[in-house]
Protein backbone atom coordinates (compact mmCIF):
# COMPACT_ATOMS: atom_id res chain seq x y z
CA MET A 1 -34.82 -49.46 -19.12
CA ARG A 2 -36.75 -47.00 -16.05
CA THR A 3 -38.34 -49.77 -13.56
CA ILE A 4 -41.52 -47.96 -14.39
CA LEU A 5 -42.05 -50.13 -17.89
CA LYS A 6 -42.44 -52.53 -15.50
CA GLN A 7 -45.40 -51.43 -13.90
CA ARG A 8 -46.36 -50.27 -17.71
CA GLY A 9 -46.26 -53.84 -18.65
CA ARG A 10 -48.93 -54.64 -16.02
CA LEU A 11 -50.92 -52.17 -16.88
CA MET A 12 -51.22 -52.51 -21.11
CA GLY A 13 -52.71 -56.03 -19.20
CA VAL A 14 -55.03 -54.31 -17.90
CA LEU A 15 -55.49 -51.74 -21.02
CA ILE A 16 -56.55 -55.06 -23.08
CA LEU A 17 -58.68 -56.64 -21.09
CA GLY A 18 -60.71 -53.25 -19.46
CA LEU A 19 -59.63 -49.81 -20.99
CA ALA A 20 -59.82 -51.81 -24.13
CA SER A 21 -63.79 -52.29 -24.74
CA LEU A 22 -63.47 -48.01 -24.51
CA GLY A 23 -61.73 -47.66 -28.42
CA LEU A 24 -58.62 -46.21 -27.34
CA PRO A 25 -56.52 -46.11 -30.61
CA TRP A 26 -53.22 -47.63 -28.65
CA ALA A 27 -55.58 -51.20 -27.47
CA GLN A 28 -53.62 -51.83 -31.62
CA ALA A 29 -49.87 -52.58 -31.58
CA GLN A 30 -47.94 -50.60 -34.60
CA ALA A 31 -45.08 -48.02 -34.42
CA ALA A 32 -46.12 -45.29 -36.33
CA HIS A 33 -49.90 -44.01 -36.69
CA ASP A 34 -50.88 -43.11 -40.77
CA ILE A 35 -53.91 -41.80 -41.45
CA ARG A 36 -56.73 -44.90 -41.83
CA GLY A 37 -58.33 -44.64 -45.47
CA ILE A 38 -59.06 -46.61 -48.31
CA THR A 39 -56.23 -46.82 -50.53
CA GLY A 40 -56.37 -46.61 -54.80
CA PRO A 41 -55.64 -45.49 -57.42
CA THR A 42 -59.02 -47.27 -57.98
CA PHE A 43 -61.92 -47.05 -55.70
CA ASN A 44 -65.36 -47.90 -56.39
CA LEU A 45 -68.20 -45.63 -54.26
CA TYR A 46 -71.93 -45.36 -54.10
CA ALA A 47 -74.21 -43.02 -52.49
CA PHE A 48 -76.75 -43.79 -49.29
CA VAL A 49 -79.23 -42.47 -46.46
CA PHE A 50 -78.04 -43.92 -42.82
CA ASN A 51 -79.43 -42.03 -39.77
CA MET A 52 -76.08 -40.84 -37.33
CA ASN A 53 -76.88 -41.15 -33.45
CA LEU A 54 -75.57 -38.47 -31.25
CA PRO A 55 -73.55 -38.28 -27.85
CA GLU A 56 -76.98 -37.41 -26.34
CA GLY A 57 -79.35 -39.95 -27.47
CA SER A 58 -80.06 -38.35 -31.36
CA SER A 59 -79.45 -39.58 -34.23
CA LEU A 60 -79.25 -37.31 -37.39
CA GLN A 61 -80.18 -39.14 -41.26
CA MET A 62 -77.61 -38.27 -42.99
CA TRP A 63 -76.27 -39.07 -46.67
CA GLY A 64 -72.80 -40.52 -46.82
CA PHE A 65 -70.77 -42.67 -49.71
CA GLY A 66 -69.31 -45.65 -48.76
CA ASP A 67 -66.46 -48.42 -49.86
CA THR A 68 -68.47 -50.96 -52.56
CA ASP A 69 -65.20 -52.97 -52.58
CA ALA A 70 -65.39 -53.37 -48.96
CA GLY A 71 -68.00 -55.95 -49.27
CA ALA A 72 -69.31 -57.99 -46.12
CA ALA A 73 -68.58 -55.23 -43.35
CA ALA A 74 -68.97 -58.00 -40.64
CA THR A 75 -65.58 -59.54 -42.36
CA HIS A 76 -63.65 -56.57 -43.38
CA PRO A 77 -60.20 -56.94 -41.52
CA GLU A 78 -60.73 -53.20 -40.43
CA GLY A 79 -63.48 -53.74 -38.22
CA GLU A 80 -67.53 -54.42 -38.13
CA GLY A 81 -68.19 -50.17 -39.94
CA TYR A 82 -66.37 -50.30 -42.53
CA GLY A 83 -67.67 -50.34 -45.66
CA LEU A 84 -71.03 -48.86 -44.76
CA PRO A 85 -72.53 -45.41 -45.84
CA GLN A 86 -70.12 -43.58 -43.44
CA TYR A 87 -69.36 -39.58 -41.96
CA PRO A 88 -67.32 -38.37 -43.52
CA GLY A 89 -66.64 -40.40 -46.26
CA PRO A 90 -63.57 -42.82 -47.31
CA THR A 91 -60.75 -41.25 -47.18
CA LEU A 92 -58.69 -41.70 -50.64
CA ILE A 93 -55.20 -42.26 -50.61
CA VAL A 94 -53.33 -41.86 -53.94
CA THR A 95 -50.25 -41.73 -55.31
CA GLU A 96 -48.60 -38.00 -56.88
CA GLY A 97 -48.81 -38.62 -61.21
CA GLU A 98 -51.64 -41.41 -60.83
CA THR A 99 -54.38 -42.01 -63.12
CA VAL A 100 -57.19 -42.32 -60.47
CA SER A 101 -60.47 -43.41 -61.35
CA ILE A 102 -63.72 -43.04 -59.21
CA THR A 103 -66.28 -45.43 -59.60
CA LEU A 104 -70.36 -43.89 -58.11
CA GLN A 105 -73.26 -44.98 -57.50
CA ASN A 106 -76.35 -43.98 -55.91
CA LEU A 107 -78.60 -46.60 -54.19
CA GLY A 108 -80.79 -44.35 -52.27
CA VAL A 109 -80.02 -40.59 -52.11
CA PRO A 110 -82.82 -38.70 -53.24
CA GLN A 111 -80.69 -36.71 -55.17
CA PRO A 112 -78.31 -37.06 -58.77
CA VAL A 113 -75.48 -37.03 -57.01
CA SER A 114 -72.39 -36.65 -58.28
CA ILE A 115 -67.91 -35.86 -57.14
CA VAL A 116 -65.77 -32.52 -57.47
CA VAL A 117 -62.29 -32.89 -56.75
CA THR A 118 -60.57 -29.10 -54.89
CA GLY A 119 -58.05 -28.24 -57.46
CA HIS A 120 -58.05 -31.23 -59.24
CA ASN A 121 -59.96 -31.38 -63.39
CA LEU A 122 -61.73 -33.99 -63.59
CA THR A 123 -63.13 -36.38 -66.77
CA ALA A 124 -66.79 -37.98 -66.05
CA ASN A 125 -68.23 -40.48 -67.63
CA GLY A 126 -71.94 -42.40 -67.54
CA GLY A 127 -75.15 -41.34 -65.46
CA VAL A 128 -76.62 -37.93 -66.22
CA GLU A 129 -75.72 -34.12 -67.12
CA GLY A 130 -75.70 -32.45 -64.25
CA LEU A 131 -74.62 -29.05 -62.40
CA VAL A 132 -71.50 -29.18 -63.16
CA THR A 133 -70.68 -32.62 -64.22
CA GLN A 134 -71.91 -35.67 -64.60
CA ALA A 135 -73.95 -37.06 -62.24
CA ALA A 136 -75.92 -40.64 -60.98
CA THR A 137 -79.00 -41.05 -60.01
CA THR A 138 -81.13 -44.47 -58.34
CA THR A 139 -82.08 -45.58 -61.77
CA SER A 140 -79.18 -43.83 -64.33
CA GLY A 141 -76.27 -46.23 -63.62
CA PRO A 142 -72.79 -45.72 -62.28
CA VAL A 143 -70.63 -42.28 -62.96
CA THR A 144 -66.01 -42.91 -63.38
CA TYR A 145 -64.35 -39.75 -62.98
CA THR A 146 -60.54 -39.95 -63.63
CA PHE A 147 -58.27 -37.02 -63.30
CA THR A 148 -54.46 -37.25 -62.69
CA ALA A 149 -53.18 -36.32 -59.39
CA PRO A 150 -50.42 -34.30 -60.06
CA GLU A 151 -49.40 -32.46 -56.36
CA PRO A 152 -48.85 -34.08 -53.00
CA GLY A 153 -51.42 -32.69 -50.64
CA THR A 154 -54.14 -32.99 -48.58
CA TYR A 155 -58.16 -32.00 -50.97
CA VAL A 156 -61.60 -32.44 -50.37
CA TYR A 157 -64.02 -33.88 -52.41
CA HIS A 158 -67.99 -34.09 -52.28
CA SER A 159 -71.06 -33.51 -53.98
CA LEU A 160 -72.45 -30.96 -55.73
CA ASP A 161 -75.05 -31.23 -58.20
CA GLY A 162 -79.55 -30.00 -57.38
CA ALA A 163 -81.21 -27.37 -57.67
CA ASN A 164 -79.57 -26.94 -54.29
CA PRO A 165 -75.71 -28.05 -54.24
CA GLY A 166 -75.41 -26.88 -50.22
CA LEU A 167 -76.85 -29.13 -49.82
CA HIS A 168 -74.99 -32.09 -50.51
CA VAL A 169 -72.14 -31.53 -48.10
CA GLU A 170 -75.11 -30.69 -45.41
CA MET A 171 -76.38 -33.81 -45.57
CA GLY A 172 -72.78 -35.80 -45.51
CA LEU A 173 -71.40 -35.85 -49.41
CA LEU A 174 -68.19 -35.53 -48.83
CA GLY A 175 -64.36 -36.77 -47.81
CA ALA A 176 -60.81 -36.35 -47.58
CA LEU A 177 -58.31 -36.84 -50.71
CA ILE A 178 -54.79 -37.60 -49.77
CA VAL A 179 -52.40 -37.42 -52.45
CA ARG A 180 -48.52 -38.56 -50.83
CA PRO A 181 -45.71 -37.69 -53.13
CA ALA A 182 -44.40 -40.00 -55.71
CA ALA A 183 -42.96 -42.71 -54.03
CA ASP A 184 -39.35 -42.31 -52.46
CA GLY A 185 -38.95 -44.39 -48.98
CA SER A 186 -40.29 -41.17 -46.70
CA ARG A 187 -42.84 -40.63 -44.67
CA SER A 188 -43.14 -37.12 -45.72
CA ALA A 189 -45.76 -34.77 -46.82
CA TYR A 190 -44.53 -32.94 -50.09
CA GLY A 191 -41.48 -35.05 -50.25
CA ALA A 192 -37.98 -36.27 -49.45
CA GLY A 193 -35.80 -32.71 -48.70
CA THR A 194 -38.90 -30.69 -48.52
CA GLU A 195 -38.53 -30.50 -44.44
CA THR A 196 -41.88 -31.61 -44.03
CA ASP A 197 -41.25 -35.42 -42.98
CA TYR A 198 -43.02 -36.26 -40.22
CA GLU A 199 -43.19 -39.89 -37.87
CA GLN A 200 -47.24 -39.97 -36.73
CA GLU A 201 -50.03 -39.15 -39.51
CA PHE A 202 -53.26 -37.64 -38.34
CA LEU A 203 -55.89 -36.62 -40.15
CA SER A 204 -58.58 -33.66 -38.39
CA LEU A 205 -61.92 -32.72 -40.92
CA LEU A 206 -63.58 -30.48 -39.56
CA THR A 207 -67.83 -29.95 -40.55
CA GLU A 208 -70.99 -28.88 -39.15
CA VAL A 209 -74.74 -29.23 -39.40
CA ASP A 210 -78.05 -27.59 -38.96
CA PRO A 211 -80.84 -30.60 -37.17
CA GLU A 212 -83.82 -28.56 -38.62
CA ILE A 213 -81.94 -30.04 -42.15
CA HIS A 214 -81.68 -33.13 -41.72
CA ILE A 215 -85.41 -33.87 -39.82
CA GLN A 216 -87.11 -31.94 -43.05
CA MET A 217 -84.88 -34.56 -45.79
CA GLU A 218 -86.04 -37.56 -42.98
CA ARG A 219 -90.04 -35.77 -44.41
CA GLY A 220 -89.70 -36.01 -47.87
CA HIS A 221 -89.15 -31.61 -47.80
CA VAL A 222 -86.08 -31.76 -50.18
CA GLU A 223 -86.92 -28.51 -52.07
CA HIS A 224 -87.27 -26.56 -49.16
CA PHE A 225 -83.63 -26.43 -48.32
CA THR A 226 -81.99 -22.89 -48.38
CA ASN A 227 -78.80 -21.36 -47.46
CA SER A 228 -80.58 -18.67 -45.98
CA ASP A 229 -82.69 -20.25 -43.14
CA ARG A 230 -79.50 -22.06 -43.06
CA HIS A 231 -78.22 -22.43 -38.62
CA ALA A 232 -75.28 -24.86 -37.99
CA LYS A 233 -75.69 -26.31 -34.50
CA VAL A 234 -73.40 -29.50 -33.76
CA TRP A 235 -69.87 -29.45 -34.86
CA PHE A 236 -67.96 -32.75 -36.40
CA VAL A 237 -64.56 -33.63 -35.93
CA ASN A 238 -64.04 -36.36 -38.01
CA GLY A 239 -67.36 -36.73 -38.28
CA ARG A 240 -67.63 -37.52 -34.56
CA VAL A 241 -68.33 -34.67 -31.42
CA PHE A 242 -66.93 -34.77 -28.01
CA PRO A 243 -66.95 -37.25 -25.82
CA ASP A 244 -66.98 -40.11 -29.28
CA LEU A 245 -63.96 -38.11 -30.50
CA PHE A 246 -61.87 -40.14 -28.72
CA GLN A 247 -62.48 -44.11 -28.53
CA GLY A 248 -60.83 -45.33 -31.34
CA ASP A 249 -60.52 -45.83 -34.78
CA PHE A 250 -63.76 -48.02 -36.84
CA ASN A 251 -64.74 -48.79 -33.05
CA THR A 252 -68.55 -51.18 -33.61
CA LEU A 253 -70.17 -47.82 -31.39
CA PHE A 254 -69.95 -45.95 -34.37
CA PRO A 255 -71.01 -48.33 -37.30
CA ASN A 256 -71.12 -45.18 -39.65
CA GLN A 257 -68.56 -42.64 -38.25
CA PRO A 258 -64.95 -45.31 -38.25
CA TYR A 259 -62.50 -41.80 -38.43
CA GLN A 260 -61.59 -40.93 -34.20
CA SER A 261 -59.71 -37.39 -33.46
CA LEU A 262 -57.94 -38.45 -30.78
CA ALA A 263 -53.89 -37.46 -31.89
CA LEU A 264 -50.77 -40.03 -30.77
CA ALA A 265 -46.95 -38.67 -29.92
CA HIS A 266 -43.77 -38.96 -29.14
CA PRO A 267 -41.90 -36.78 -27.15
CA GLY A 268 -40.06 -34.71 -30.57
CA ASP A 269 -42.18 -36.54 -32.71
CA LYS A 270 -43.40 -34.43 -36.06
CA VAL A 271 -47.38 -35.50 -36.07
CA LEU A 272 -48.20 -34.14 -39.86
CA VAL A 273 -51.72 -32.29 -38.96
CA ARG A 274 -53.80 -32.70 -41.73
CA GLN A 275 -56.89 -30.18 -41.64
CA VAL A 276 -59.37 -29.97 -43.60
CA ASN A 277 -62.32 -27.84 -42.99
CA ALA A 278 -65.38 -29.39 -45.70
CA GLY A 279 -67.95 -27.93 -44.26
CA HIS A 280 -69.53 -24.55 -45.22
CA ASP A 281 -68.87 -22.52 -42.04
CA SER A 282 -65.37 -20.88 -40.89
CA HIS A 283 -63.27 -23.07 -38.33
CA PRO A 284 -60.44 -21.62 -36.03
CA PHE A 285 -59.05 -24.42 -34.83
CA HIS A 286 -56.45 -24.72 -31.99
CA PHE A 287 -53.30 -26.88 -30.63
CA HIS A 288 -52.30 -26.89 -27.41
CA GLY A 289 -48.63 -27.76 -26.35
CA GLU A 290 -46.95 -26.44 -28.98
CA ASN A 291 -47.29 -23.85 -32.21
CA LEU A 292 -47.63 -25.66 -35.54
CA ARG A 293 -45.17 -24.78 -38.54
CA PHE A 294 -48.05 -24.61 -41.76
CA VAL A 295 -46.09 -26.44 -44.47
CA GLY A 296 -49.06 -27.03 -46.97
CA ARG A 297 -51.97 -25.48 -47.87
CA ASP A 298 -54.75 -26.19 -50.60
CA GLY A 299 -52.75 -29.22 -51.58
CA ARG A 300 -49.93 -26.78 -53.28
CA MET A 301 -46.72 -26.38 -50.31
CA LEU A 302 -45.80 -23.46 -48.68
CA SER A 303 -42.59 -22.63 -50.68
CA SER A 304 -40.30 -19.84 -52.59
CA ASP A 305 -38.27 -22.20 -54.61
CA GLY A 306 -40.96 -25.21 -54.59
CA LEU A 307 -37.48 -27.67 -53.10
CA VAL A 308 -37.98 -26.96 -49.38
CA ALA A 309 -41.46 -25.59 -47.92
CA ASP A 310 -40.20 -22.16 -46.05
CA LEU A 311 -42.48 -19.85 -46.35
CA GLY A 312 -45.07 -21.41 -43.41
CA ARG A 313 -45.59 -19.76 -40.30
CA SER A 314 -46.04 -21.04 -36.77
CA ASP A 315 -48.73 -20.46 -35.07
CA ASN A 316 -51.64 -22.19 -32.45
CA THR A 317 -54.78 -22.08 -34.28
CA ILE A 318 -55.72 -22.93 -37.69
CA ASN A 319 -58.64 -20.41 -39.60
CA SER A 320 -59.32 -22.68 -42.09
CA ALA A 321 -61.79 -21.40 -44.16
CA PRO A 322 -65.21 -23.67 -46.73
CA LYS A 323 -63.61 -26.42 -47.91
CA GLN A 324 -60.41 -25.15 -46.83
CA THR A 325 -57.25 -27.47 -46.49
CA VAL A 326 -53.39 -27.39 -43.97
CA ASP A 327 -50.79 -28.51 -43.81
CA ALA A 328 -48.68 -28.74 -40.30
CA ILE A 329 -46.67 -30.30 -38.81
CA TRP A 330 -46.70 -30.44 -34.44
CA THR A 331 -44.11 -31.22 -32.20
CA TRP A 332 -43.68 -31.37 -28.87
CA THR A 333 -40.48 -30.80 -26.46
CA GLY A 334 -40.73 -29.37 -23.27
CA LYS A 335 -37.92 -27.34 -24.45
CA ASP A 336 -37.45 -25.00 -21.36
CA LEU A 337 -39.52 -26.30 -19.02
CA GLY A 338 -37.22 -26.71 -16.13
CA TRP A 339 -38.10 -30.22 -14.77
CA ASP A 340 -36.91 -33.41 -15.76
CA ILE A 341 -40.47 -34.49 -17.80
CA TYR A 342 -39.05 -37.94 -17.27
CA GLY A 343 -38.80 -37.53 -13.15
CA THR A 344 -35.89 -37.57 -10.67
CA GLY A 345 -36.69 -39.93 -7.80
CA PRO A 346 -36.09 -43.68 -6.94
CA GLY A 347 -37.19 -45.95 -9.93
CA TYR A 348 -36.46 -42.68 -12.24
CA GLN A 349 -33.20 -43.28 -13.47
CA HIS A 350 -32.52 -42.50 -16.88
CA LYS A 351 -30.30 -40.43 -18.52
CA CYS A 352 -29.29 -38.51 -21.68
CA ASN A 353 -27.13 -39.46 -23.79
CA GLY A 354 -24.88 -37.25 -24.84
CA ASN A 355 -26.33 -35.24 -21.90
CA ASN A 356 -26.37 -31.44 -23.97
CA LEU A 357 -26.23 -32.54 -27.53
CA ALA A 358 -24.47 -30.30 -29.56
CA GLN A 359 -25.57 -31.89 -33.11
CA GLY A 360 -28.32 -33.77 -35.06
CA PRO A 361 -31.29 -33.28 -36.11
CA SER A 362 -32.57 -32.31 -32.91
CA PRO A 363 -29.91 -30.03 -30.57
CA GLY A 364 -30.05 -30.82 -26.70
CA PHE A 365 -32.45 -33.71 -26.84
CA ASP A 366 -31.88 -36.70 -26.12
CA PRO A 367 -32.55 -38.85 -30.07
CA ASP A 368 -33.96 -42.26 -27.37
CA THR A 369 -35.97 -40.60 -25.08
CA GLY A 370 -36.57 -37.09 -26.48
CA GLU A 371 -36.29 -35.14 -23.07
CA TYR A 372 -34.37 -31.95 -23.46
CA CYS A 373 -31.10 -32.56 -21.69
CA PRO A 374 -30.16 -29.90 -20.14
CA ASP A 375 -33.30 -30.02 -18.47
CA HIS A 376 -31.85 -33.69 -17.13
CA GLY A 377 -32.20 -33.98 -13.30
CA LYS A 378 -34.01 -30.96 -12.13
CA ASP A 379 -36.35 -31.60 -9.59
CA PHE A 380 -40.37 -30.31 -10.58
CA PRO A 381 -40.56 -27.17 -9.13
CA VAL A 382 -43.34 -26.74 -6.62
CA THR A 383 -45.03 -29.51 -4.58
CA LEU A 384 -48.75 -31.02 -4.99
CA PRO A 385 -51.44 -31.05 -3.27
CA GLY A 386 -53.25 -34.72 -2.13
CA ALA A 387 -55.40 -36.25 -4.12
CA GLN A 388 -58.16 -35.37 -1.70
CA ASP A 389 -57.18 -31.75 -2.36
CA LEU A 390 -57.36 -31.98 -6.00
CA THR A 391 -59.94 -31.63 -8.47
CA LEU A 392 -59.27 -35.04 -10.74
CA GLY A 393 -60.30 -35.38 -14.76
CA GLY A 394 -60.59 -38.74 -16.36
CA TRP A 395 -56.40 -38.51 -17.99
CA TRP A 396 -55.04 -37.61 -14.00
CA SER A 397 -52.27 -39.87 -14.26
CA GLY A 398 -51.49 -39.43 -10.77
CA SER A 399 -48.23 -37.61 -11.17
CA PRO A 400 -46.86 -34.85 -13.47
CA PHE A 401 -43.93 -37.62 -14.76
CA LEU A 402 -44.45 -38.31 -18.77
CA GLY A 403 -45.10 -42.54 -17.53
CA ASP A 404 -45.46 -42.07 -14.53
CA THR A 405 -48.61 -43.62 -12.25
CA GLY A 406 -49.46 -42.85 -8.86
CA ASP A 407 -52.32 -43.56 -6.80
CA LEU A 408 -55.47 -42.04 -6.88
CA PRO A 409 -58.96 -41.86 -4.82
CA PRO A 410 -61.19 -44.60 -6.43
CA GLY A 411 -63.33 -44.35 -9.33
CA GLU A 412 -61.26 -41.64 -10.66
CA GLY A 413 -59.06 -41.50 -13.66
CA GLY A 414 -57.75 -44.85 -15.49
CA LEU A 415 -58.46 -43.51 -18.43
CA ASN A 416 -54.12 -42.74 -19.13
CA PRO A 417 -52.14 -46.04 -18.13
CA PHE A 418 -49.61 -45.13 -19.92
CA GLY A 419 -48.82 -41.79 -17.71
CA GLY A 420 -49.18 -39.48 -20.97
CA TYR A 421 -49.41 -35.78 -21.08
CA PHE A 422 -53.11 -34.41 -22.89
CA PHE A 423 -53.42 -31.23 -24.98
CA VAL A 424 -56.49 -30.19 -26.13
CA TRP A 425 -56.95 -29.78 -29.30
CA HIS A 426 -59.95 -27.33 -30.21
CA SER A 427 -62.59 -25.45 -31.89
CA HIS A 428 -61.69 -21.45 -30.75
CA ALA A 429 -65.57 -19.95 -31.04
CA GLU A 430 -67.03 -21.36 -27.87
CA LYS A 431 -70.26 -22.27 -29.33
CA GLU A 432 -68.47 -24.91 -31.60
CA LEU A 433 -67.87 -26.74 -27.89
CA THR A 434 -71.60 -27.98 -27.62
CA THR A 435 -73.84 -30.72 -29.04
CA PHE A 436 -77.43 -28.96 -29.38
CA ASP A 437 -76.26 -25.12 -26.87
CA ILE A 438 -74.76 -28.29 -23.96
CA PHE A 439 -71.26 -28.21 -22.34
CA PRO A 440 -68.87 -30.11 -23.60
CA GLY A 441 -69.31 -31.12 -27.46
CA GLY A 442 -68.93 -30.77 -30.42
CA SER A 443 -65.35 -30.04 -32.19
CA LEU A 444 -63.36 -30.95 -28.91
CA GLY A 445 -60.05 -33.57 -29.71
CA ALA A 446 -57.17 -33.95 -28.24
CA VAL A 447 -53.04 -35.38 -28.42
CA VAL A 448 -51.71 -37.59 -26.49
CA VAL A 449 -47.67 -37.33 -25.29
CA LEU A 450 -47.11 -40.99 -24.57
CA PRO A 451 -43.24 -42.34 -23.12
CA SER A 452 -41.27 -43.10 -25.73
CA ASP A 453 -41.20 -46.87 -25.55
CA VAL A 454 -44.83 -47.01 -26.18
CA ILE A 455 -46.10 -47.71 -28.27
CA ILE A 456 -48.30 -45.95 -30.89
CA GLU A 457 -51.06 -47.72 -32.44
């Protein structure tokens, strides 16, 4: 093992004692990342009104779904924020072929609330007659929706009722449904052998709001909403805006916004990105580092024969339409960079097992470190200027090498204790990188490529 690992061990202690308070998601240890949510096939949800804080100090009234079964929030193992009404609603996770049941109560939303799921026919019982299905009011009692989950994939669920159906999505009554393939022992989006296997899995749920509408709802002017007057000014990923979206799942700073949007990976990891546009507007979301390979859209594998995902294209941007979902796989390899990503100086001795591997699932790559072997031992091609001559960001480790850290001026850096590579994932519509026209904000996330021996949450 390289000597840098000893330094990384000391940094782990610093992280746990200090940086963990920042909510960095690798403060907990787990071999692989799965999307956080609640597992079915039976769910009990409620709808309620709450206020949600934004980073610049304002707050918005929201209508959100919560998990009735979470019990006392402060004692729930997932964190203090679990069980409260949330934005987006709880991510519902089921298995292909299951009969899914969702029971919904309305505990305070001033309009009838319902649930529809894209791509599925639901049977509803209870409540009152609504616009397209049975709905729950504050006096009607619950509604139970049942359906079969016939196809693995990613879907949107949301409320659709009232005189102005778009109001419910605007106010936050929405979430993601994930249908996993029938149990086959694999980590795969669409099943073993479909070429959709992954090591890490992340949700990227995009929404937007017009704060003026939320002010009118807080004043009780429900009848004032019209789609023609709507003009979004705040843009979200997983219910948070930059910089809050880096602060870890179930961070107690955000009791009603439990999901972060900072993805983590090792070199060579296949990262399944479940991109969900649950809002009203289109969003061009752009991924730095490598292209994605599309494998599914709207819960259907992109396949010519139903066996393998062979119809998906390679792209660096997912331009998703409202209520559309896209499943894509992103992998950072560092191939052909022309230099050794782990460095060549003293203290960085390592080997590329098999050197130029010609066989296996990833020819040319070391199966343990993810290094591209033809670049093994090659020096970094330029000499970096001194730290005093650099403009340093919080995520600069002080070194261009993966897993390495270097000296930094006082007060600089500190957010990258493991020497990872940060790549920005963000909206390609410039206005969506602001919050109330202030940059940076909005839909601005990232992925961190970590050394192969660092445990991911």
